[in-house]
Amino acid sequence: MNPLFTGLFDDAAIFPPGNLPMADAVRAHRERAESRWAPLLGPFICSLARWDELVAATAGGPPLRVSLVVPDIAADLPEHPSVEIVAVEGPAASASGGTLTAYHEIGCDEITATRVAALRDAGLRLKIRTGGVRADAFPSEARLAGALWAAVRGGLAFKLTAGLHDPIRHRDPATGFEHHGYLNVILATARALQGYDIERALADQDGERVASAVAGIDEVLVKAVRHHFVSFGTCSISEPVDGLLRFGLLEAVV
């Protein structure tokens, strides 16, 4: 398994537009965790508001690794033997992340070098929203490039969420929304580490060219890329996996 993709896909199946019922989502996650694609799988994402549903769906099984979306990442967390909280995500950062991995969500336009330094010094990570159910939830290449550049050059680990199920930048014919591609983001992160322009990497819609460039990232740079770009939330795991297969990036395990 290419370490560039290990643990890259956080399972957000219960969130829009997937909206899978909790029990079905937990069952599917556990099945994937036992499949050949298990190394690609990140934690199951659930909101604190649905904690009781999560506990009911996981009861009697092995502990489920969960990233919990909360109103305040510094608040006390619930506990249950069937749930292992491995991270928290939220819009408020009233204190440091402590010993638990904590992602602070802020808008692209607020991600500056000063803000990045403050998050890093507080022991927090960054969460960037790259899509949603409205067109204005999708940042332009320029806005996302500015956010990624600030994070990477500031040495801050980040995750992305929403709109990234496809590997390549594209316009969705059904909605007209301009989606970013997760391979574009990987390439942009690599280019930022090298000090190169990254807006072009985010805008490139030539799938073969982007995939070839990603496949050419060397071992040392792969580690640096994933140190910064930790994962992204996706309501579909099969779609991004299919994307890697389409470009021959998972042939070793097929």
C-alpha atoms as a PDB file:
ATOM      1  CA  MET A   1       0.000   0.000   0.000  1.00  0.00           C
ATOM      2  CA  ASN A   2       1.386   3.390  -1.003  1.00  0.00           C
ATOM      3  CA  PRO A   3       1.854   5.370   2.246  1.00  0.00           C
ATOM      4  CA  LEU A   4       0.648   8.440   0.375  1.00  0.00           C
ATOM      5  CA  PHE A   5      -2.910   7.089   0.734  1.00  0.00           C
ATOM      6  CA  THR A   6      -2.782   5.293   4.099  1.00  0.00           C
ATOM      7  CA  GLY A   7      -5.594   6.457   6.385  1.00  0.00           C
ATOM      8  CA  LEU A   8      -6.493   9.210   3.929  1.00  0.00           C
ATOM      9  CA  PHE A   9     -10.268   8.648   3.795  1.00  0.00           C
ATOM     10  CA  ASP A  10     -12.214   9.572   6.946  1.00  0.00           C
ATOM     11  CA  ASP A  11     -15.659   7.986   6.888  1.00  0.00           C
ATOM     12  CA  ALA A  12     -18.359  10.689   6.885  1.00  0.00           C
ATOM     13  CA  ALA A  13     -21.136   8.436   5.576  1.00  0.00           C
ATOM     14  CA  ILE A  14     -23.803   9.802   7.949  1.00  0.00           C
ATOM     15  CA  PHE A  15     -23.333  13.395   6.743  1.00  0.00           C
ATOM     16  CA  PRO A  16     -24.889  15.045   3.646  1.00  0.00           C
ATOM     17  CA  PRO A  17     -25.127  14.255   0.840  1.00  0.00           C
ATOM     18  CA  GLY A  18     -24.676  10.602   1.821  1.00  0.00           C
ATOM     19  CA  ASN A  19     -26.964  10.652   4.875  1.00  0.00           C
ATOM     20  CA  LEU A  20     -26.570   6.925   5.510  1.00  0.00           C
ATOM     21  CA  PRO A  21     -28.498   5.687   8.567  1.00  0.00           C
ATOM     22  CA  MET A  22     -26.202   5.276  11.572  1.00  0.00           C
ATOM     23  CA  ALA A  23     -26.525   1.506  11.893  1.00  0.00           C
ATOM     24  CA  ASP A  24     -25.868   0.997   8.173  1.00  0.00           C
ATOM     25  CA  ALA A  25     -22.891   3.355   8.237  1.00  0.00           C
ATOM     26  CA  VAL A  26     -21.293   1.638  11.233  1.00  0.00           C
ATOM     27  CA  ARG A  27     -21.836  -1.786   9.671  1.00  0.00           C
ATOM     28  CA  ALA A  28     -20.270  -0.682   6.374  1.00  0.00           C
ATOM     29  CA  HIS A  29     -17.315   0.910   8.163  1.00  0.00           C
ATOM     30  CA  ARG A  30     -16.593  -2.273  10.092  1.00  0.00           C
ATOM     31  CA  GLU A  31     -16.796  -4.330   6.910  1.00  0.00           C
ATOM     32  CA  ARG A  32     -14.290  -2.042   5.192  1.00  0.00           C
ATOM     33  CA  ALA A  33     -12.012  -2.263   8.218  1.00  0.00           C
ATOM     34  CA  GLU A  34     -11.800  -6.012   7.542  1.00  0.00           C
ATOM     35  CA  SER A  35     -11.346  -5.650   3.769  1.00  0.00           C
ATOM     36  CA  ARG A  36      -8.284  -5.214   1.574  1.00  0.00           C
ATOM     37  CA  TRP A  37      -8.933  -1.466   1.626  1.00  0.00           C
ATOM     38  CA  ALA A  38      -8.584  -1.205   5.402  1.00  0.00           C
ATOM     39  CA  PRO A  39      -5.216   0.624   5.207  1.00  0.00           C
ATOM     40  CA  LEU A  40      -6.929   3.494   3.348  1.00  0.00           C
ATOM     41  CA  LEU A  41      -9.584   3.983   6.012  1.00  0.00           C
ATOM     42  CA  GLY A  42      -9.484   6.739   8.612  1.00  0.00           C
ATOM     43  CA  PRO A  43     -11.808   7.071  11.612  1.00  0.00           C
ATOM     44  CA  PHE A  44     -15.597   7.147  11.513  1.00  0.00           C
ATOM     45  CA  ILE A  45     -16.846  10.730  11.817  1.00  0.00           C
ATOM     46  CA  CYS A  46     -19.844  11.446  14.036  1.00  0.00           C
ATOM     47  CA  SER A  47     -21.330  14.548  15.621  1.00  0.00           C
ATOM     48  CA  LEU A  48     -21.755  14.799  19.380  1.00  0.00           C
ATOM     49  CA  ALA A  49     -25.475  15.405  18.794  1.00  0.00           C
ATOM     50  CA  ARG A  50     -25.785  11.818  17.520  1.00  0.00           C
ATOM     51  CA  TRP A  51     -23.755  10.182  20.291  1.00  0.00           C
ATOM     52  CA  ASP A  52     -26.658   8.070  21.596  1.00  0.00           C
ATOM     53  CA  GLU A  53     -27.321   6.710  18.099  1.00  0.00           C
ATOM     54  CA  LEU A  54     -23.644   5.892  17.722  1.00  0.00           C
ATOM     55  CA  VAL A  55     -23.531   4.026  21.023  1.00  0.00           C
ATOM     56  CA  ALA A  56     -26.621   2.011  20.081  1.00  0.00           C
ATOM     57  CA  ALA A  57     -25.164   1.134  16.670  1.00  0.00           C
ATOM     58  CA  THR A  58     -21.776   0.081  18.041  1.00  0.00           C
ATOM     59  CA  ALA A  59     -22.957  -1.783  21.152  1.00  0.00           C
ATOM     60  CA  GLY A  60     -21.705  -5.345  21.402  1.00  0.00           C
ATOM     61  CA  GLY A  61     -18.958  -4.887  18.835  1.00  0.00           C
ATOM     62  CA  PRO A  62     -15.284  -3.996  19.026  1.00  0.00           C
ATOM     63  CA  PRO A  63     -14.490  -0.338  19.816  1.00  0.00           C
ATOM     64  CA  LEU A  64     -15.069   1.916  16.824  1.00  0.00           C
ATOM     65  CA  ARG A  65     -12.403   4.554  16.156  1.00  0.00           C
ATOM     66  CA  VAL A  66     -14.275   7.868  15.966  1.00  0.00           C
ATOM     67  CA  SER A  67     -13.481  11.482  15.218  1.00  0.00           C
ATOM     68  CA  LEU A  68     -16.153  13.418  17.102  1.00  0.00           C
ATOM     69  CA  VAL A  69     -17.517  16.711  15.747  1.00  0.00           C
ATOM     70  CA  VAL A  70     -18.231  18.921  18.752  1.00  0.00           C
ATOM     71  CA  PRO A  71     -19.341  22.528  19.454  1.00  0.00           C
ATOM     72  CA  ASP A  72     -16.183  23.162  21.489  1.00  0.00           C
ATOM     73  CA  ILE A  73     -13.057  21.057  21.091  1.00  0.00           C
ATOM     74  CA  ALA A  74     -12.054  21.902  24.667  1.00  0.00           C
ATOM     75  CA  ALA A  75     -15.265  20.534  26.224  1.00  0.00           C
ATOM     76  CA  ASP A  76     -15.508  17.319  28.240  1.00  0.00           C
ATOM     77  CA  LEU A  77     -16.244  14.266  26.098  1.00  0.00           C
ATOM     78  CA  PRO A  78     -18.613  11.344  26.651  1.00  0.00           C
ATOM     79  CA  GLU A  79     -17.265   7.826  27.046  1.00  0.00           C
ATOM     80  CA  HIS A  80     -18.469   4.357  26.124  1.00  0.00           C
ATOM     81  CA  PRO A  81     -16.652   1.012  25.793  1.00  0.00           C
ATOM     82  CA  SER A  82     -17.813   0.566  22.185  1.00  0.00           C
ATOM     83  CA  VAL A  83     -16.389   3.920  21.045  1.00  0.00           C
ATOM     84  CA  GLU A  84     -12.752   5.002  20.937  1.00  0.00           C
ATOM     85  CA  ILE A  85     -12.553   8.761  20.391  1.00  0.00           C
ATOM     86  CA  VAL A  86      -9.298   9.355  18.510  1.00  0.00           C
ATOM     87  CA  ALA A  87      -9.864  13.009  17.551  1.00  0.00           C
ATOM     88  CA  VAL A  88     -12.250  15.927  17.921  1.00  0.00           C
ATOM     89  CA  GLU A  89     -13.273  18.483  15.311  1.00  0.00           C
ATOM     90  CA  GLY A  90     -15.043  21.770  15.851  1.00  0.00           C
ATOM     91  CA  PRO A  91     -15.349  25.498  15.220  1.00  0.00           C
ATOM     92  CA  ALA A  92     -14.348  26.631  18.712  1.00  0.00           C
ATOM     93  CA  ALA A  93     -10.844  26.557  20.143  1.00  0.00           C
ATOM     94  CA  SER A  94     -11.044  27.990  23.620  1.00  0.00           C
ATOM     95  CA  ALA A  95      -8.083  25.935  24.821  1.00  0.00           C
ATOM     96  CA  SER A  96      -5.291  23.737  23.564  1.00  0.00           C
ATOM     97  CA  GLY A  97      -6.034  20.309  22.175  1.00  0.00           C
ATOM     98  CA  GLY A  98      -4.400  18.522  25.112  1.00  0.00           C
ATOM     99  CA  THR A  99      -3.404  14.912  24.488  1.00  0.00           C
ATOM    100  CA  LEU A 100      -6.235  14.236  22.022  1.00  0.00           C
ATOM    101  CA  THR A 101      -5.830  15.201  18.372  1.00  0.00           C
ATOM    102  CA  ALA A 102      -8.000  18.288  17.831  1.00  0.00           C
ATOM    103  CA  TYR A 103      -8.958  20.001  14.577  1.00  0.00           C
ATOM    104  CA  HIS A 104     -10.133  23.603  14.589  1.00  0.00           C
ATOM    105  CA  GLU A 105     -12.349  24.511  11.626  1.00  0.00           C
ATOM    106  CA  ILE A 106     -12.007  28.011  10.194  1.00  0.00           C
ATOM    107  CA  GLY A 107     -12.804  29.517   6.809  1.00  0.00           C
ATOM    108  CA  CYS A 108     -10.215  29.745   4.059  1.00  0.00           C
ATOM    109  CA  ASP A 109     -10.095  33.530   4.182  1.00  0.00           C
ATOM    110  CA  GLU A 110      -9.240  33.452   7.903  1.00  0.00           C
ATOM    111  CA  ILE A 111      -6.265  31.126   7.472  1.00  0.00           C
ATOM    112  CA  THR A 112      -3.296  33.468   7.726  1.00  0.00           C
ATOM    113  CA  ALA A 113       0.291  32.931   8.819  1.00  0.00           C
ATOM    114  CA  THR A 114      -0.532  34.499  12.187  1.00  0.00           C
ATOM    115  CA  ARG A 115      -3.585  32.277  12.715  1.00  0.00           C
ATOM    116  CA  VAL A 116      -1.640  29.199  11.665  1.00  0.00           C
ATOM    117  CA  ALA A 117       1.134  29.977  14.136  1.00  0.00           C
ATOM    118  CA  ALA A 118      -1.395  30.412  16.950  1.00  0.00           C
ATOM    119  CA  LEU A 119      -3.035  27.056  16.217  1.00  0.00           C
ATOM    120  CA  ARG A 120       0.307  25.286  15.944  1.00  0.00           C
ATOM    121  CA  ASP A 121       1.548  26.766  19.209  1.00  0.00           C
ATOM    122  CA  ALA A 122      -1.686  25.663  20.932  1.00  0.00           C
ATOM    123  CA  GLY A 123      -1.148  22.078  19.784  1.00  0.00           C
ATOM    124  CA  LEU A 124      -4.133  22.170  17.426  1.00  0.00           C
ATOM    125  CA  ARG A 125      -4.612  21.106  13.826  1.00  0.00           C
ATOM    126  CA  LEU A 126      -6.580  22.815  11.058  1.00  0.00           C
ATOM    127  CA  LYS A 127      -9.811  21.711   9.399  1.00  0.00           C
ATOM    128  CA  ILE A 128     -10.680  23.258   6.038  1.00  0.00           C
ATOM    129  CA  ARG A 129     -14.113  22.940   4.418  1.00  0.00           C
ATOM    130  CA  THR A 130     -13.893  22.336   0.675  1.00  0.00           C
ATOM    131  CA  GLY A 131     -17.520  21.729  -0.251  1.00  0.00           C
ATOM    132  CA  GLY A 132     -21.106  21.313   0.835  1.00  0.00           C
ATOM    133  CA  VAL A 133     -24.662  21.464  -0.437  1.00  0.00           C
ATOM    134  CA  ARG A 134     -24.350  25.035  -1.791  1.00  0.00           C
ATOM    135  CA  ALA A 135     -22.026  26.497  -4.415  1.00  0.00           C
ATOM    136  CA  ASP A 136     -20.608  29.059  -1.985  1.00  0.00           C
ATOM    137  CA  ALA A 137     -19.315  26.232   0.233  1.00  0.00           C
ATOM    138  CA  PHE A 138     -16.692  25.408  -2.406  1.00  0.00           C
ATOM    139  CA  PRO A 139     -13.646  27.703  -2.175  1.00  0.00           C
ATOM    140  CA  SER A 140     -12.006  28.810  -5.405  1.00  0.00           C
ATOM    141  CA  GLU A 141      -8.564  27.543  -6.374  1.00  0.00           C
ATOM    142  CA  ALA A 142      -7.071  30.850  -5.256  1.00  0.00           C
ATOM    143  CA  ARG A 143      -8.740  30.793  -1.820  1.00  0.00           C
ATOM    144  CA  LEU A 144      -7.843  27.171  -1.140  1.00  0.00           C
ATOM    145  CA  ALA A 145      -4.315  27.737  -2.413  1.00  0.00           C
ATOM    146  CA  GLY A 146      -3.864  30.596   0.045  1.00  0.00           C
ATOM    147  CA  ALA A 147      -5.101  28.457   2.938  1.00  0.00           C
ATOM    148  CA  LEU A 148      -2.962  25.442   2.036  1.00  0.00           C
ATOM    149  CA  TRP A 149       0.121  27.582   1.495  1.00  0.00           C
ATOM    150  CA  ALA A 150      -0.264  29.198   4.916  1.00  0.00           C
ATOM    151  CA  ALA A 151      -0.760  25.825   6.611  1.00  0.00           C
ATOM    152  CA  VAL A 152       2.090  24.024   4.875  1.00  0.00           C
ATOM    153  CA  ARG A 153       4.616  26.825   5.111  1.00  0.00           C
ATOM    154  CA  GLY A 154       3.590  27.325   8.743  1.00  0.00           C
ATOM    155  CA  GLY A 155       4.127  23.655   9.558  1.00  0.00           C
ATOM    156  CA  LEU A 156       0.503  23.002  10.551  1.00  0.00           C
ATOM    157  CA  ALA A 157      -1.190  19.642   9.984  1.00  0.00           C
ATOM    158  CA  PHE A 158      -4.645  19.847   8.404  1.00  0.00           C
ATOM    159  CA  LYS A 159      -7.598  17.837   7.203  1.00  0.00           C
ATOM    160  CA  LEU A 160     -10.213  18.727   4.604  1.00  0.00           C
ATOM    161  CA  THR A 161     -13.900  17.965   4.535  1.00  0.00           C
ATOM    162  CA  ALA A 162     -16.657  17.762   1.900  1.00  0.00           C
ATOM    163  CA  GLY A 163     -16.654  17.745  -1.868  1.00  0.00           C
ATOM    164  CA  LEU A 164     -13.488  15.696  -2.408  1.00  0.00           C
ATOM    165  CA  HIS A 165     -14.807  12.256  -3.374  1.00  0.00           C
ATOM    166  CA  ASP A 166     -13.280  12.520  -6.858  1.00  0.00           C
ATOM    167  CA  PRO A 167      -9.495  12.553  -7.317  1.00  0.00           C
ATOM    168  CA  ILE A 168      -9.450  15.329  -9.927  1.00  0.00           C
ATOM    169  CA  ARG A 169     -10.749  18.890 -10.073  1.00  0.00           C
ATOM    170  CA  HIS A 170     -14.018  18.961 -12.018  1.00  0.00           C
ATOM    171  CA  ARG A 171     -17.442  20.526 -12.456  1.00  0.00           C
ATOM    172  CA  ASP A 172     -20.319  18.311 -11.324  1.00  0.00           C
ATOM    173  CA  PRO A 173     -22.712  18.137 -14.312  1.00  0.00           C
ATOM    174  CA  ALA A 174     -25.738  17.634 -12.049  1.00  0.00           C
ATOM    175  CA  THR A 175     -25.183  20.586  -9.699  1.00  0.00           C
ATOM    176  CA  GLY A 176     -22.749  22.791 -11.592  1.00  0.00           C
ATOM    177  CA  PHE A 177     -20.540  22.927  -8.478  1.00  0.00           C
ATOM    178  CA  GLU A 178     -16.772  23.141  -8.982  1.00  0.00           C
ATOM    179  CA  HIS A 179     -15.237  20.342  -6.912  1.00  0.00           C
ATOM    180  CA  HIS A 180     -11.619  20.143  -5.836  1.00  0.00           C
ATOM    181  CA  GLY A 181      -9.805  16.846  -6.383  1.00  0.00           C
ATOM    182  CA  TYR A 182      -7.974  15.106  -3.580  1.00  0.00           C
ATOM    183  CA  LEU A 183      -5.067  14.188  -5.880  1.00  0.00           C
ATOM    184  CA  ASN A 184      -4.847  17.878  -6.772  1.00  0.00           C
ATOM    185  CA  VAL A 185      -4.617  18.671  -3.052  1.00  0.00           C
ATOM    186  CA  ILE A 186      -1.895  16.053  -2.534  1.00  0.00           C
ATOM    187  CA  LEU A 187       0.059  17.524  -5.437  1.00  0.00           C
ATOM    188  CA  ALA A 188      -0.496  21.084  -4.205  1.00  0.00           C
ATOM    189  CA  THR A 189       0.764  20.112  -0.749  1.00  0.00           C
ATOM    190  CA  ALA A 190       3.897  18.632  -2.295  1.00  0.00           C
ATOM    191  CA  ARG A 191       4.441  21.757  -4.405  1.00  0.00           C
ATOM    192  CA  ALA A 192       3.975  23.999  -1.355  1.00  0.00           C
ATOM    193  CA  LEU A 193       6.625  22.011   0.519  1.00  0.00           C
ATOM    194  CA  GLN A 194       8.935  22.576  -2.436  1.00  0.00           C
ATOM    195  CA  GLY A 195       8.132  26.288  -2.509  1.00  0.00           C
ATOM    196  CA  TYR A 196       6.388  26.191  -5.886  1.00  0.00           C
ATOM    197  CA  ASP A 197       3.119  27.719  -7.109  1.00  0.00           C
ATOM    198  CA  ILE A 198       0.182  25.594  -5.953  1.00  0.00           C
ATOM    199  CA  GLU A 199      -2.850  27.270  -7.496  1.00  0.00           C
ATOM    200  CA  ARG A 200      -1.981  25.680 -10.834  1.00  0.00           C
ATOM    201  CA  ALA A 201      -1.843  22.234  -9.203  1.00  0.00           C
ATOM    202  CA  LEU A 202      -5.299  22.756  -7.680  1.00  0.00           C
ATOM    203  CA  ALA A 203      -6.784  23.954 -10.972  1.00  0.00           C
ATOM    204  CA  ASP A 204      -5.414  21.176 -13.216  1.00  0.00           C
ATOM    205  CA  GLN A 205      -8.251  19.033 -14.622  1.00  0.00           C
ATOM    206  CA  ASP A 206      -6.016  16.702 -16.643  1.00  0.00           C
ATOM    207  CA  GLY A 207      -6.388  13.530 -14.603  1.00  0.00           C
ATOM    208  CA  GLU A 208      -3.546  11.603 -16.204  1.00  0.00           C
ATOM    209  CA  ARG A 209      -1.134  14.486 -15.707  1.00  0.00           C
ATOM    210  CA  VAL A 210      -2.098  15.009 -12.065  1.00  0.00           C
ATOM    211  CA  ALA A 211      -2.005  11.272 -11.298  1.00  0.00           C
ATOM    212  CA  SER A 212       1.386  10.913 -12.970  1.00  0.00           C
ATOM    213  CA  ALA A 213       2.788  13.797 -10.934  1.00  0.00           C
ATOM    214  CA  VAL A 214       1.408  12.298  -7.718  1.00  0.00           C
ATOM    215  CA  ALA A 215       2.846   8.872  -8.582  1.00  0.00           C
ATOM    216  CA  GLY A 216       6.242  10.536  -9.005  1.00  0.00           C
ATOM    217  CA  ILE A 217       6.383  11.967  -5.461  1.00  0.00           C
ATOM    218  CA  ASP A 218       9.420  10.416  -3.784  1.00  0.00           C
ATOM    219  CA  GLU A 219       9.436   8.626  -0.438  1.00  0.00           C
ATOM    220  CA  VAL A 220      10.832  11.534   1.569  1.00  0.00           C
ATOM    221  CA  LEU A 221       8.311  13.988   0.137  1.00  0.00           C
ATOM    222  CA  VAL A 222       5.454  11.501   0.656  1.00  0.00           C
ATOM    223  CA  LYS A 223       6.136  11.523   4.398  1.00  0.00           C
ATOM    224  CA  ALA A 224       6.197  15.314   4.469  1.00  0.00           C
ATOM    225  CA  VAL A 225       2.985  15.584   2.434  1.00  0.00           C
ATOM    226  CA  ARG A 226       1.066  13.267   4.752  1.00  0.00           C
ATOM    227  CA  HIS A 227       2.519  14.922   7.849  1.00  0.00           C
ATOM    228  CA  HIS A 228       0.684  18.046   6.696  1.00  0.00           C
ATOM    229  CA  PHE A 229      -2.310  16.693   4.730  1.00  0.00           C
ATOM    230  CA  VAL A 230      -3.570  14.138   7.249  1.00  0.00           C
ATOM    231  CA  SER A 231      -6.918  13.100   5.753  1.00  0.00           C
ATOM    232  CA  PHE A 232     -10.230  14.253   4.360  1.00  0.00           C
ATOM    233  CA  GLY A 233     -13.825  13.460   5.255  1.00  0.00           C
ATOM    234  CA  THR A 234     -15.889  11.792   2.551  1.00  0.00           C
ATOM    235  CA  CYS A 235     -19.441  10.441   2.676  1.00  0.00           C
ATOM    236  CA  SER A 236     -18.388   7.778   0.175  1.00  0.00           C
ATOM    237  CA  ILE A 237     -15.324   5.585   0.634  1.00  0.00           C
ATOM    238  CA  SER A 238     -15.871   3.560  -2.534  1.00  0.00           C
ATOM    239  CA  GLU A 239     -15.766   6.597  -4.854  1.00  0.00           C
ATOM    240  CA  PRO A 240     -12.296   7.864  -3.865  1.00  0.00           C
ATOM    241  CA  VAL A 241     -10.978   4.280  -3.857  1.00  0.00           C
ATOM    242  CA  ASP A 242     -12.391   3.797  -7.359  1.00  0.00           C
ATOM    243  CA  GLY A 243     -10.611   6.991  -8.373  1.00  0.00           C
ATOM    244  CA  LEU A 244      -7.240   5.617  -7.287  1.00  0.00           C
ATOM    245  CA  LEU A 245      -7.936   2.382  -9.147  1.00  0.00           C
ATOM    246  CA  ARG A 246      -8.918   4.330 -12.253  1.00  0.00           C
ATOM    247  CA  PHE A 247      -5.486   5.937 -12.394  1.00  0.00           C
ATOM    248  CA  GLY A 248      -3.585   2.767 -11.520  1.00  0.00           C
ATOM    249  CA  LEU A 249      -2.459   4.042  -8.130  1.00  0.00           C
ATOM    250  CA  LEU A 250      -3.632   0.975  -6.178  1.00  0.00           C
ATOM    251  CA  GLU A 251      -2.567  -1.803  -8.520  1.00  0.00           C
ATOM    252  CA  ALA A 252      -0.328  -3.384  -5.866  1.00  0.00           C
ATOM    253  CA  VAL A 253      -3.317  -4.536  -3.813  1.00  0.00           C
ATOM    254  CA  VAL A 254      -5.804  -5.426  -6.544  1.00  0.00           C
END
